[in-house]
C-alpha cells in the first residue's frame, strides 16, 4: 500500500489527494513529516497498555459484542417462544437485523457529518438499555407480551450495531503516531471481540421457559456500565483538551521540535481528542 496519498494518483482525484494530505498533517500534529523506520519500539506498546482510555474504548466494543453475539444465537429461540413456528421464528429475526443495518449506516453517516462520537454512542447504548429494561420483566410472559418484547428486540439491534463502527472510529481518531495507532486499533478490536465469548454463554438453555433472566439481566448491566464508561471517557477527553488549550501553538513550537511533537503522538500538546 502506498504510504502517502501523493503516490495514489491512479485511483484518487486531486481533491481526494489534497483531503488525505490534510488529514495526515492533522494526525501528525501539524507537520507533513512521518515516523522514520518501521522498527517496533517497546515504548509505543508501553504507552498504549498503560493508557486507561484504551480500555474504556475497548469496553464499548466489548459490550456491543456481548449483545450482538448473545442475540445472534438466541433470537430464533426468543421469537419461537412468542408462539411462532420454527420457520416463522426464523423469518421474524429479519426485521430486527434490517433495522440494525439501517441504523448502523445512518448513524455512521451522521457521526461523520458532525464529527462527534460520544453523543451517538451514548444515545445508541441508551436505546439498548431501554430494550433490555423492557425484555427483562416481560420475557417470562412473552406469549402475552409479543408486541412489546419484539419491539424491544428491534430496539436492541438498532442500538447495538452502530456502536461498533462508532467505537472503532472514536479510538482511531484519538490515537496519534502510526505505530501506536496501528497497535491501538488492533488491541481495541481484539479486546472488543472477546465479548463474543461472554455473549455466547449468557443466554442459558435451562432458562428458556422462564425468559432468559440471566441473559437479559447481564445485557442490561453491560449497557448501563457502557453509558458510565463513555461519560468518563468523554469527560477525560474534554479535560485534557481544555488543559492543552491554555497554551498557544507558537508557545508549544518554541518548546518542542517537530520530531518531538511527532513522537509524543496523542500526548502532544497540539493534539486534540475527538469528542
Protein backbone atom coordinates (compact mmCIF):
# COMPACT_ATOMS: atom_id res chain seq x y z
CA UNK A 1 0.00 0.00 0.00
CA UNK A 2 1.34 3.50 -0.83
CA UNK A 3 2.39 5.33 2.34
CA UNK A 4 1.30 8.73 1.03
CA UNK A 5 -1.74 10.00 -0.92
CA UNK A 6 0.66 11.75 -3.33
CA UNK A 7 1.54 8.33 -4.81
CA UNK A 8 -2.11 7.32 -5.27
CA UNK A 9 -2.93 9.38 -8.34
CA UNK A 10 -4.12 6.37 -10.35
CA UNK A 11 -7.30 5.98 -8.30
CA UNK A 12 -7.62 9.23 -6.31
CA UNK A 13 -8.66 12.59 -7.74
CA UNK A 14 -6.53 15.68 -6.95
CA UNK A 15 -9.16 16.86 -4.45
CA UNK A 16 -9.15 13.47 -2.70
CA UNK A 17 -5.35 13.51 -2.53
CA UNK A 18 -5.39 17.01 -1.05
CA UNK A 19 -8.01 15.98 1.52
CA UNK A 20 -5.96 12.96 2.65
CA UNK A 21 -2.76 15.00 2.82
CA UNK A 22 -4.51 17.48 5.11
CA UNK A 23 -5.74 14.57 7.25
CA UNK A 24 -2.17 13.28 7.56
CA UNK A 25 -0.96 16.71 8.63
CA UNK A 26 -3.68 16.87 11.30
CA UNK A 27 -2.82 13.38 12.58
CA UNK A 28 0.89 14.29 12.72
CA UNK A 29 0.32 17.41 14.82
CA UNK A 30 0.61 19.94 12.03
CA UNK A 31 3.60 18.53 10.17
CA UNK A 32 3.99 16.52 6.98
CA UNK A 33 6.84 14.50 8.49
CA UNK A 34 6.30 10.83 9.22
CA UNK A 35 7.87 8.47 11.70
CA UNK A 36 11.19 7.22 10.43
CA UNK A 37 11.82 3.50 10.29
CA UNK A 38 9.48 0.58 10.62
CA UNK A 39 11.16 -0.95 13.68
CA UNK A 40 8.98 -1.92 16.59
CA UNK A 41 9.57 0.13 19.74
CA UNK A 42 8.58 -1.10 23.19
CA UNK A 43 7.90 2.47 24.30
CA UNK A 44 4.92 2.65 21.95
CA UNK A 45 3.48 -0.55 23.40
CA UNK A 46 4.12 0.62 26.95
CA UNK A 47 2.37 3.93 26.27
CA UNK A 48 -0.55 2.01 24.82
CA UNK A 49 -1.12 -0.61 27.52
CA UNK A 50 -0.72 1.94 30.34
CA UNK A 51 -3.32 4.29 28.87
CA UNK A 52 -6.60 3.81 30.74
CA UNK A 53 -8.54 5.40 27.88
CA UNK A 54 -7.72 2.42 25.65
CA UNK A 55 -9.58 0.08 27.99
CA UNK A 56 -12.59 2.36 28.27
CA UNK A 57 -12.72 2.44 24.47
CA UNK A 58 -12.37 -1.35 24.29
CA UNK A 59 -15.20 -1.74 26.80
CA UNK A 60 -17.58 -0.05 24.36
CA UNK A 61 -16.80 -2.63 21.66
CA UNK A 62 -16.81 -5.43 24.23
CA UNK A 63 -20.37 -4.58 25.28
CA UNK A 64 -21.56 -4.33 21.69
CA UNK A 65 -20.07 -7.77 21.01
CA UNK A 66 -21.73 -9.29 24.08
CA UNK A 67 -25.15 -8.05 22.98
CA UNK A 68 -24.62 -8.91 19.30
CA UNK A 69 -23.42 -12.48 19.84
CA UNK A 70 -25.93 -13.14 22.60
CA UNK A 71 -28.90 -12.17 20.43
CA UNK A 72 -27.41 -13.75 17.31
CA UNK A 73 -27.57 -17.24 18.80
CA UNK A 74 -30.72 -16.73 20.86
CA UNK A 75 -33.04 -14.59 18.75
CA UNK A 76 -34.67 -17.57 16.94
CA UNK A 77 -35.46 -19.11 20.34
CA UNK A 78 -36.84 -15.80 21.58
CA UNK A 79 -39.12 -15.36 18.58
CA UNK A 80 -40.18 -19.02 18.72
CA UNK A 81 -41.14 -18.64 22.38
CA UNK A 82 -43.61 -15.96 21.22
CA UNK A 83 -45.67 -18.78 19.75
CA UNK A 84 -44.37 -18.84 16.17
CA UNK A 85 -43.38 -21.98 14.29
CA UNK A 86 -39.68 -22.65 13.62
CA UNK A 87 -39.85 -21.27 10.07
CA UNK A 88 -41.87 -18.24 11.19
CA UNK A 89 -39.42 -17.63 14.02
CA UNK A 90 -36.53 -17.53 11.55
CA UNK A 91 -38.40 -15.03 9.37
CA UNK A 92 -39.20 -12.87 12.40
CA UNK A 93 -35.47 -12.39 13.00
CA UNK A 94 -35.10 -10.49 9.70
CA UNK A 95 -36.73 -7.13 10.63
CA UNK A 96 -34.51 -6.54 13.71
CA UNK A 97 -31.37 -7.18 11.65
CA UNK A 98 -32.61 -4.93 8.83
CA UNK A 99 -33.34 -2.19 11.37
CA UNK A 100 -29.87 -2.67 12.84
CA UNK A 101 -28.23 -2.42 9.41
CA UNK A 102 -30.12 0.76 8.53
CA UNK A 103 -29.25 2.22 11.91
CA UNK A 104 -25.56 1.33 11.53
CA UNK A 105 -25.29 3.07 8.15
CA UNK A 106 -27.42 6.07 9.11
CA UNK A 107 -25.77 6.71 12.48
CA UNK A 108 -22.30 6.30 10.99
CA UNK A 109 -23.03 8.91 8.33
CA UNK A 110 -24.43 11.34 10.90
CA UNK A 111 -21.49 10.77 13.22
CA UNK A 112 -19.03 11.51 10.43
CA UNK A 113 -21.01 14.51 9.26
CA UNK A 114 -20.94 16.17 12.67
CA UNK A 115 -17.53 14.72 13.66
CA UNK A 116 -18.87 13.61 17.04
CA UNK A 117 -18.68 10.14 18.56
CA UNK A 118 -19.80 10.31 22.19
CA UNK A 119 -23.36 11.61 21.63
CA UNK A 120 -24.08 8.82 19.17
CA UNK A 121 -22.51 6.05 21.25
CA UNK A 122 -24.30 7.25 24.38
CA UNK A 123 -27.64 7.53 22.56
CA UNK A 124 -27.26 4.12 20.95
CA UNK A 125 -26.42 2.36 24.22
CA UNK A 126 -29.32 4.17 25.88
CA UNK A 127 -31.62 2.56 23.30
CA UNK A 128 -30.05 -0.83 24.09
CA UNK A 129 -30.64 -0.21 27.80
CA UNK A 130 -34.32 0.58 27.16
CA UNK A 131 -34.67 -2.62 25.14
CA UNK A 132 -33.27 -4.79 27.94
CA UNK A 133 -35.37 -2.94 30.54
CA UNK A 134 -38.47 -3.95 28.57
CA UNK A 135 -37.42 -7.56 28.00
CA UNK A 136 -36.20 -8.41 31.49
CA UNK A 137 -39.60 -8.15 33.25
CA UNK A 138 -41.81 -9.11 30.28
CA UNK A 139 -39.92 -12.06 28.77
CA UNK A 140 -41.20 -14.64 31.32
CA UNK A 141 -44.71 -13.95 29.98
CA UNK A 142 -43.59 -13.35 26.40
CA UNK A 143 -46.59 -15.07 24.71
CA UNK A 144 -48.86 -12.40 26.16
CA UNK A 145 -46.41 -9.54 25.55
CA UNK A 146 -45.39 -10.29 21.95
CA UNK A 147 -45.53 -6.73 20.60
CA UNK A 148 -43.61 -5.14 23.47
CA UNK A 149 -40.93 -7.85 23.53
CA UNK A 150 -40.49 -7.82 19.75
CA UNK A 151 -40.13 -4.03 19.71
CA UNK A 152 -37.56 -4.37 22.50
CA UNK A 153 -35.51 -6.79 20.37
CA UNK A 154 -35.65 -4.34 17.46
CA UNK A 155 -34.52 -1.50 19.75
CA UNK A 156 -31.53 -3.52 20.94
CA UNK A 157 -30.47 -4.20 17.35
CA UNK A 158 -30.93 -0.53 16.43
CA UNK A 159 -28.69 0.49 19.31
CA UNK A 160 -26.01 -2.17 19.32
CA UNK A 161 -24.98 -2.43 15.65
CA UNK A 162 -23.95 1.24 15.12
CA UNK A 163 -21.92 1.13 18.34
CA UNK A 164 -19.11 -1.00 16.92
CA UNK A 165 -18.23 1.29 13.97
CA UNK A 166 -18.66 4.40 16.13
CA UNK A 167 -16.37 3.00 18.82
CA UNK A 168 -13.75 1.95 16.26
CA UNK A 169 -13.83 5.38 14.64
CA UNK A 170 -13.53 7.07 18.04
CA UNK A 171 -10.34 5.27 19.03
CA UNK A 172 -8.72 5.53 15.59
CA UNK A 173 -9.22 9.29 15.67
CA UNK A 174 -7.80 9.61 19.18
CA UNK A 175 -4.51 7.80 18.65
CA UNK A 176 -1.64 9.65 17.00
CA UNK A 177 1.56 8.15 15.69
CA UNK A 178 1.42 5.47 13.01
CA UNK A 179 2.74 2.63 15.16
CA UNK A 180 0.68 3.44 18.25
CA UNK A 181 -2.45 3.90 16.16
CA UNK A 182 -1.95 0.55 14.43
CA UNK A 183 -1.33 -1.30 17.71
CA UNK A 184 -4.14 0.54 19.48
CA UNK A 185 -6.75 -0.29 16.86
CA UNK A 186 -5.65 -3.96 16.85
CA UNK A 187 -5.73 -4.19 20.65
CA UNK A 188 -9.10 -2.45 20.81
CA UNK A 189 -10.68 -4.81 18.27
CA UNK A 190 -9.12 -7.85 19.96
CA UNK A 191 -10.42 -6.92 23.41
CA UNK A 192 -13.76 -5.83 21.99
CA UNK A 193 -14.39 -9.01 20.01
CA UNK A 194 -13.66 -11.12 23.08
CA UNK A 195 -17.10 -10.02 24.23
CA UNK A 196 -18.44 -12.60 21.80
CA UNK A 197 -17.20 -15.31 24.18
CA UNK A 198 -19.29 -13.87 27.00
CA UNK A 199 -22.28 -13.23 24.76
CA UNK A 200 -22.34 -16.85 23.61
CA UNK A 201 -22.93 -18.12 27.15
CA UNK A 202 -25.18 -15.60 28.90
CA UNK A 203 -28.44 -16.99 27.48
CA UNK A 204 -28.84 -20.32 29.27
CA UNK A 205 -30.88 -23.15 27.75
CA UNK A 206 -32.15 -24.02 31.22
CA UNK A 207 -33.80 -20.58 31.42
CA UNK A 208 -35.59 -20.83 28.10
CA UNK A 209 -39.00 -21.34 29.70
CA UNK A 210 -38.59 -18.51 32.21
CA UNK A 211 -37.47 -15.82 29.75
CA UNK A 212 -33.66 -15.84 29.95
CA UNK A 213 -33.39 -13.58 33.03
CA UNK A 214 -29.62 -14.08 33.26
CA UNK A 215 -29.01 -13.10 29.63
CA UNK A 216 -31.25 -10.04 29.67
CA UNK A 217 -30.00 -9.01 33.11
CA UNK A 218 -26.36 -9.20 32.06
CA UNK A 219 -27.14 -7.31 28.85
CA UNK A 220 -28.85 -4.57 30.85
CA UNK A 221 -25.89 -4.34 33.26
CA UNK A 222 -23.37 -4.14 30.43
CA UNK A 223 -25.36 -1.42 28.67
CA UNK A 224 -25.56 0.64 31.87
CA UNK A 225 -21.83 0.19 32.53
CA UNK A 226 -21.05 1.32 28.98
CA UNK A 227 -23.05 4.51 29.49
CA UNK A 228 -20.96 5.26 32.58
CA UNK A 229 -17.64 4.41 30.89
CA UNK A 230 -18.46 6.54 27.83
CA UNK A 231 -19.24 9.51 30.09
CA UNK A 232 -15.93 9.04 31.93
CA UNK A 233 -14.11 8.83 28.59
CA UNK A 234 -15.78 11.96 27.23
CA UNK A 235 -15.04 13.96 30.38
CA UNK A 236 -11.41 12.80 30.28
CA UNK A 237 -11.00 13.93 26.69
CA UNK A 238 -12.66 17.27 27.43
CA UNK A 239 -10.44 17.86 30.46
CA UNK A 240 -7.24 17.10 28.51
CA UNK A 241 -8.31 19.27 25.56
CA UNK A 242 -9.15 22.17 27.86
CA UNK A 243 -5.78 21.88 29.59
CA UNK A 244 -3.92 21.91 26.25
CA UNK A 245 -5.84 24.93 25.01
CA UNK A 246 -4.17 27.03 27.70
CA UNK A 247 -1.03 27.19 25.54
CA UNK A 248 -0.81 28.71 22.07
CA UNK A 249 0.69 26.83 19.14
CA UNK A 250 3.61 29.29 18.98
CA UNK A 251 4.45 28.66 22.65
CA UNK A 252 4.37 24.92 22.11
CA UNK A 253 6.51 25.00 18.98
CA UNK A 254 9.12 27.12 20.76
CA UNK A 255 9.41 24.41 23.41
CA UNK A 256 9.25 21.31 21.18
CA UNK A 257 10.71 20.39 17.81
CA UNK A 258 8.52 18.86 15.08
CA UNK A 259 10.18 15.49 15.69
CA UNK A 260 9.46 15.64 19.43
CA UNK A 261 5.83 16.53 18.82
CA UNK A 262 5.50 13.66 16.37
CA UNK A 263 7.00 11.18 18.83
CA UNK A 264 4.62 12.34 21.56
CA UNK A 265 1.71 11.28 19.35
CA UNK A 266 -1.63 11.90 21.06
CA UNK A 267 0.25 13.13 24.15
CA UNK A 268 1.43 16.12 22.14
CA UNK A 269 0.08 19.45 23.47
CA UNK A 270 -1.00 20.21 19.89
CA UNK A 271 -3.18 17.10 19.66
CA UNK A 272 -6.90 17.45 20.35
CA UNK A 273 -9.05 14.44 21.17
CA UNK A 274 -12.25 13.93 19.21
CA UNK A 275 -15.34 14.07 21.37
